[in-house]
Amino acid sequence: MLLNAYCPYCEKTVSVALDLTGNELKAALESGKEVRVMHVADVDHIWNLIRTEKENLRKAIETGLVS
């Protein structure tokens, strides 16, 4: 699944790939666990979504905007 998130290394919003998908992602979002994302730059950047980004993603999944 691809979505946009703020990269703390590039200091801008980029397209990222999620480390988790489907039920694993939903479970992580519901339980407050870390959700790791990555985007390819000169060196791959990997980080965890912040609380607000996880909440927005959870809501987008619930409303069907993201599958």
Protein backbone atom coordinates (compact mmCIF):
# COMPACT_ATOMS: atom_id res chain seq x y z
CA MET A 1 0.00 0.00 0.00
CA LEU A 2 1.32 3.43 -0.90
CA LEU A 3 0.42 6.70 0.77
CA ASN A 4 1.91 10.10 1.46
CA ALA A 5 3.70 10.92 4.71
CA TYR A 6 6.15 13.51 5.99
CA CYS A 7 9.74 12.29 5.76
CA PRO A 8 11.78 13.66 8.67
CA TYR A 9 15.00 13.14 6.69
CA CYS A 10 13.94 14.92 3.48
CA GLU A 11 11.79 17.38 5.47
CA LYS A 12 8.93 17.11 2.98
CA THR A 13 5.90 14.95 2.16
CA VAL A 14 6.75 11.93 0.02
CA SER A 15 5.11 8.72 -1.23
CA VAL A 16 5.86 5.90 1.17
CA ALA A 17 5.38 2.15 1.30
CA LEU A 18 3.96 0.63 4.47
CA ASP A 19 5.73 -2.21 6.22
CA LEU A 20 2.37 -3.77 7.22
CA THR A 21 -0.78 -4.44 5.20
CA GLY A 22 -4.29 -5.77 5.66
CA ASN A 23 -5.24 -7.14 9.05
CA GLU A 24 -1.71 -6.67 10.44
CA LEU A 25 -1.90 -2.95 9.68
CA LYS A 26 -5.39 -2.60 11.16
CA ALA A 27 -4.29 -4.43 14.33
CA ALA A 28 -1.21 -2.21 14.72
CA LEU A 29 -3.27 0.95 14.27
CA GLU A 30 -5.94 -0.18 16.74
CA SER A 31 -3.42 -1.20 19.40
CA GLY A 32 -1.18 1.85 19.03
CA LYS A 33 1.84 -0.16 17.86
CA GLU A 34 4.49 1.36 15.62
CA VAL A 35 3.79 1.54 11.88
CA ARG A 36 6.99 1.66 9.86
CA VAL A 37 7.17 3.30 6.44
CA MET A 38 9.88 3.69 3.82
CA HIS A 39 10.66 5.67 0.73
CA VAL A 40 13.56 5.39 -1.65
CA ALA A 41 15.92 8.36 -1.81
CA ASP A 42 19.69 8.47 -2.38
CA VAL A 43 19.69 6.30 0.73
CA ASP A 44 16.45 4.57 1.75
CA HIS A 45 14.65 6.44 4.51
CA ILE A 46 12.78 4.31 7.09
CA TRP A 47 10.84 5.69 10.05
CA ASN A 48 7.67 5.21 12.12
CA LEU A 49 4.52 7.23 11.54
CA ILE A 50 3.67 9.73 14.25
CA ARG A 51 0.45 9.38 16.27
CA THR A 52 -1.51 11.86 14.11
CA GLU A 53 -0.50 10.13 10.88
CA LYS A 54 -1.52 6.74 12.30
CA GLU A 55 -4.88 8.13 13.39
CA ASN A 56 -5.49 9.68 9.96
CA LEU A 57 -4.57 6.39 8.29
CA ARG A 58 -6.89 4.44 10.60
CA LYS A 59 -9.78 6.79 9.77
CA ALA A 60 -9.05 6.57 6.03
CA ILE A 61 -9.17 2.76 6.22
CA GLU A 62 -12.45 2.85 8.20
CA THR A 63 -14.12 5.15 5.69
CA GLY A 64 -12.84 3.21 2.68
CA LEU A 65 -10.54 5.92 1.34
CA VAL A 66 -7.59 3.54 1.76
CA SER A 67 -7.85 -0.22 1.41
